[in-house]
Amino acid sequence: MLTVGDKFPALKLPVQQGVSALPNGETIDLGETNGKWKVVFFWPMDFTFVCPTEIVGYNDIKEDLSLRDAVLIGGSCDTAFVHYAWRKSDERLENADFPWIADNSKKLASALGIVNEEAGVAYRATFIVDPNNVIQHVTVNSLNVGRNPAEALRVLDALQTDDLCPCNWHKGEEVLDPKA
């Protein structure tokens, strides 16, 4: 599995966003950073139970990420058409307005090392990637345990300080000063 310090795979993959039209070959270039941080999270598969709670939770922090020069990207090993159908079936997901990678070839999930071979799906993995496309944080959960998007935001805040941040540190709190 790729980890902190590794380059995030610079792949160009199918992506689905919005429900105004059927997917039509749209792609996302993960090598492009445009000087921004990325929070990339994978869920096991569409039309399940835990996954929509996470998608909605990450969508809830999308604007906070934007204020921190970070973009939100989600994905699973489903196709763009399955993503589209799932979004159309659930208003909460329809409103989750960020790109959903359609990694049905498992090219990205395999490169990241997050495929659960037995289930044939991706683990619940979150990667925080800096503007140089270097992974700065990784969390991976089992298939049945949802994540806390607020924790991803907290970690991004800490990473962006370039300081020593103690346990449970939140933006605006004092950082550690080893010289004090």
Protein backbone atom coordinates (compact mmCIF):
# COMPACT_ATOMS: atom_id res chain seq x y z
CA MET A 1 0.00 0.00 0.00
CA LEU A 2 1.21 3.49 -0.79
CA THR A 3 1.89 5.60 2.28
CA VAL A 4 3.19 8.93 3.52
CA GLY A 5 5.99 10.25 1.30
CA ASP A 6 4.94 8.26 -1.77
CA LYS A 7 3.78 9.98 -4.94
CA PHE A 8 0.06 9.69 -5.55
CA PRO A 9 -0.52 7.85 -8.85
CA ALA A 10 -0.79 10.37 -11.70
CA LEU A 11 -3.48 8.46 -13.58
CA LYS A 12 -6.15 9.76 -15.92
CA LEU A 13 -9.40 7.97 -15.06
CA PRO A 14 -13.11 8.03 -15.85
CA VAL A 15 -15.07 10.31 -13.55
CA GLN A 16 -18.72 11.10 -12.95
CA GLN A 17 -20.07 14.34 -11.51
CA GLY A 18 -23.60 15.62 -11.26
CA VAL A 19 -26.80 14.26 -12.72
CA SER A 20 -27.61 16.73 -15.49
CA ALA A 21 -26.54 14.28 -18.22
CA LEU A 22 -25.51 10.68 -18.65
CA PRO A 23 -21.77 10.01 -18.36
CA ASN A 24 -20.03 10.81 -21.63
CA GLY A 25 -16.39 9.82 -21.25
CA GLU A 26 -15.38 12.53 -18.75
CA THR A 27 -12.01 11.96 -17.09
CA ILE A 28 -9.95 13.32 -14.23
CA ASP A 29 -6.16 13.70 -14.33
CA LEU A 30 -4.87 12.87 -10.86
CA GLY A 31 -1.42 14.15 -11.78
CA GLU A 32 -2.79 17.70 -12.04
CA THR A 33 -2.76 19.54 -8.73
CA ASN A 34 -3.24 23.16 -9.79
CA GLY A 35 -1.33 24.04 -6.63
CA LYS A 36 -4.01 22.52 -4.42
CA TRP A 37 -4.20 19.80 -1.80
CA LYS A 38 -6.40 16.78 -2.53
CA VAL A 39 -8.51 14.71 -0.19
CA VAL A 40 -9.20 11.48 -2.06
CA PHE A 41 -11.45 8.90 -0.47
CA PHE A 42 -12.57 5.48 -1.68
CA TRP A 43 -15.66 3.56 -0.64
CA PRO A 44 -16.23 -0.15 -1.33
CA MET A 45 -19.16 0.10 -3.74
CA ASP A 46 -22.29 1.98 -4.71
CA PHE A 47 -25.82 1.04 -3.59
CA THR A 48 -24.68 0.00 -0.11
CA PHE A 49 -25.42 1.18 3.43
CA VAL A 50 -22.36 2.74 5.09
CA CYS A 51 -20.98 4.36 1.93
CA PRO A 52 -23.70 7.01 1.47
CA THR A 53 -23.20 8.21 5.05
CA GLU A 54 -19.54 8.82 4.28
CA ILE A 55 -20.20 10.50 0.93
CA VAL A 56 -22.68 12.87 2.56
CA GLY A 57 -20.24 13.46 5.44
CA TYR A 58 -17.38 14.34 3.10
CA ASN A 59 -19.68 16.55 1.03
CA ASP A 60 -20.53 18.42 4.25
CA ILE A 61 -16.87 19.49 4.59
CA LYS A 62 -16.29 20.25 0.89
CA GLU A 63 -16.53 24.03 1.36
CA ASP A 64 -14.20 23.87 4.40
CA LEU A 65 -11.70 21.99 2.23
CA SER A 66 -12.03 24.60 -0.50
CA LEU A 67 -11.20 27.34 2.02
CA ARG A 68 -7.98 25.42 2.71
CA ASP A 69 -7.01 25.18 -0.98
CA ALA A 70 -8.01 21.52 -1.11
CA VAL A 71 -10.26 19.63 -3.49
CA LEU A 72 -12.45 16.67 -2.63
CA ILE A 73 -12.43 13.60 -4.87
CA GLY A 74 -14.27 10.37 -4.14
CA GLY A 75 -14.38 7.05 -5.88
CA SER A 76 -15.07 3.37 -5.95
CA CYS A 77 -14.54 0.48 -8.34
CA ASP A 78 -17.96 1.05 -9.92
CA THR A 79 -18.55 2.46 -13.41
CA ALA A 80 -19.57 6.04 -14.17
CA PHE A 81 -23.03 4.76 -15.12
CA VAL A 82 -23.47 3.03 -11.76
CA HIS A 83 -22.35 6.25 -10.01
CA TYR A 84 -24.88 8.19 -12.08
CA ALA A 85 -27.72 5.77 -11.29
CA TRP A 86 -26.93 5.82 -7.57
CA ARG A 87 -26.84 9.61 -7.50
CA LYS A 88 -30.17 9.75 -9.36
CA SER A 89 -31.72 7.36 -6.83
CA ASP A 90 -30.83 9.35 -3.70
CA GLU A 91 -31.24 13.13 -3.30
CA ARG A 92 -28.46 13.27 -0.69
CA LEU A 93 -26.02 11.76 -3.18
CA GLU A 94 -27.35 13.89 -6.02
CA ASN A 95 -26.30 16.92 -3.95
CA ALA A 96 -22.81 15.52 -3.31
CA ASP A 97 -21.22 17.75 -5.92
CA PHE A 98 -17.65 16.56 -6.29
CA PRO A 99 -16.01 14.21 -8.79
CA TRP A 100 -16.52 10.48 -8.29
CA ILE A 101 -13.75 8.36 -9.84
CA ALA A 102 -15.13 5.37 -11.74
CA ASP A 103 -12.27 2.94 -11.15
CA ASN A 104 -13.98 -0.19 -12.47
CA SER A 105 -10.63 -1.31 -13.92
CA LYS A 106 -9.23 -1.07 -10.35
CA LYS A 107 -6.22 0.70 -11.84
CA LEU A 108 -6.05 3.34 -9.09
CA ALA A 109 -7.21 1.11 -6.23
CA SER A 110 -4.56 -1.46 -7.20
CA ALA A 111 -1.82 1.18 -7.55
CA LEU A 112 -2.73 2.48 -4.09
CA GLY A 113 -2.78 -1.05 -2.67
CA ILE A 114 -6.29 -0.76 -1.23
CA VAL A 115 -8.13 -3.62 -2.97
CA ASN A 116 -9.72 -6.20 -0.71
CA GLU A 117 -9.05 -9.20 -2.95
CA GLU A 118 -11.63 -11.44 -1.29
CA ALA A 119 -14.51 -8.96 -1.75
CA GLY A 120 -13.17 -7.50 -5.01
CA VAL A 121 -13.72 -3.91 -3.81
CA ALA A 122 -11.63 -1.09 -2.40
CA TYR A 123 -11.19 -0.62 1.32
CA ARG A 124 -12.48 2.60 2.91
CA ALA A 125 -9.28 4.56 2.34
CA THR A 126 -8.57 8.28 2.61
CA PHE A 127 -5.47 9.96 1.20
CA ILE A 128 -4.46 13.55 1.89
CA VAL A 129 -2.15 14.64 -0.92
CA ASP A 130 -0.09 17.84 -0.97
CA PRO A 131 0.23 20.25 -3.94
CA ASN A 132 3.32 18.33 -5.11
CA ASN A 133 1.19 15.16 -5.40
CA VAL A 134 2.94 13.58 -2.40
CA ILE A 135 0.83 11.59 0.05
CA GLN A 136 0.93 13.21 3.49
CA HIS A 137 -1.72 11.16 5.32
CA VAL A 138 -3.45 7.78 4.85
CA THR A 139 -6.22 6.07 6.76
CA VAL A 140 -7.75 2.73 5.85
CA ASN A 141 -10.79 1.20 7.49
CA SER A 142 -12.29 -2.25 7.18
CA LEU A 143 -15.26 -2.61 4.89
CA ASN A 144 -17.89 -2.30 7.63
CA VAL A 145 -16.62 0.77 9.53
CA GLY A 146 -17.32 4.31 8.33
CA ARG A 147 -14.86 7.19 8.62
CA ASN A 148 -15.00 10.60 10.28
CA PRO A 149 -14.61 13.32 7.61
CA ALA A 150 -14.06 15.94 10.34
CA GLU A 151 -10.88 14.07 11.27
CA ALA A 152 -9.61 14.38 7.68
CA LEU A 153 -10.23 18.13 7.92
CA ARG A 154 -8.42 18.30 11.28
CA VAL A 155 -5.43 16.41 9.87
CA LEU A 156 -5.32 18.67 6.80
CA ASP A 157 -5.27 21.71 9.09
CA ALA A 158 -2.39 20.21 11.07
CA LEU A 159 -0.42 19.31 7.93
CA GLN A 160 -0.81 22.82 6.59
CA THR A 161 0.73 24.39 9.72
CA ASP A 162 4.19 22.85 9.11
CA ASP A 163 4.41 22.86 12.93
CA LEU A 164 4.31 20.23 15.65
CA CYS A 165 0.66 19.60 16.46
CA PRO A 166 -0.23 17.67 19.61
CA CYS A 167 -2.86 14.98 19.93
CA ASN A 168 -6.41 16.24 19.27
CA TRP A 169 -5.07 19.60 18.05
CA HIS A 170 -7.56 21.80 16.17
CA LYS A 171 -7.02 24.82 13.95
CA GLY A 172 -6.47 27.96 16.03
CA GLU A 173 -4.99 26.13 19.01
CA GLU A 174 -1.38 26.44 20.11
CA VAL A 175 1.19 24.26 18.39
CA LEU A 176 4.14 22.74 20.21
CA ASP A 177 7.36 24.71 20.58
CA PRO A 178 10.24 22.37 21.45
CA LYS A 179 12.45 25.38 22.28
CA ALA A 180 10.08 26.67 24.96
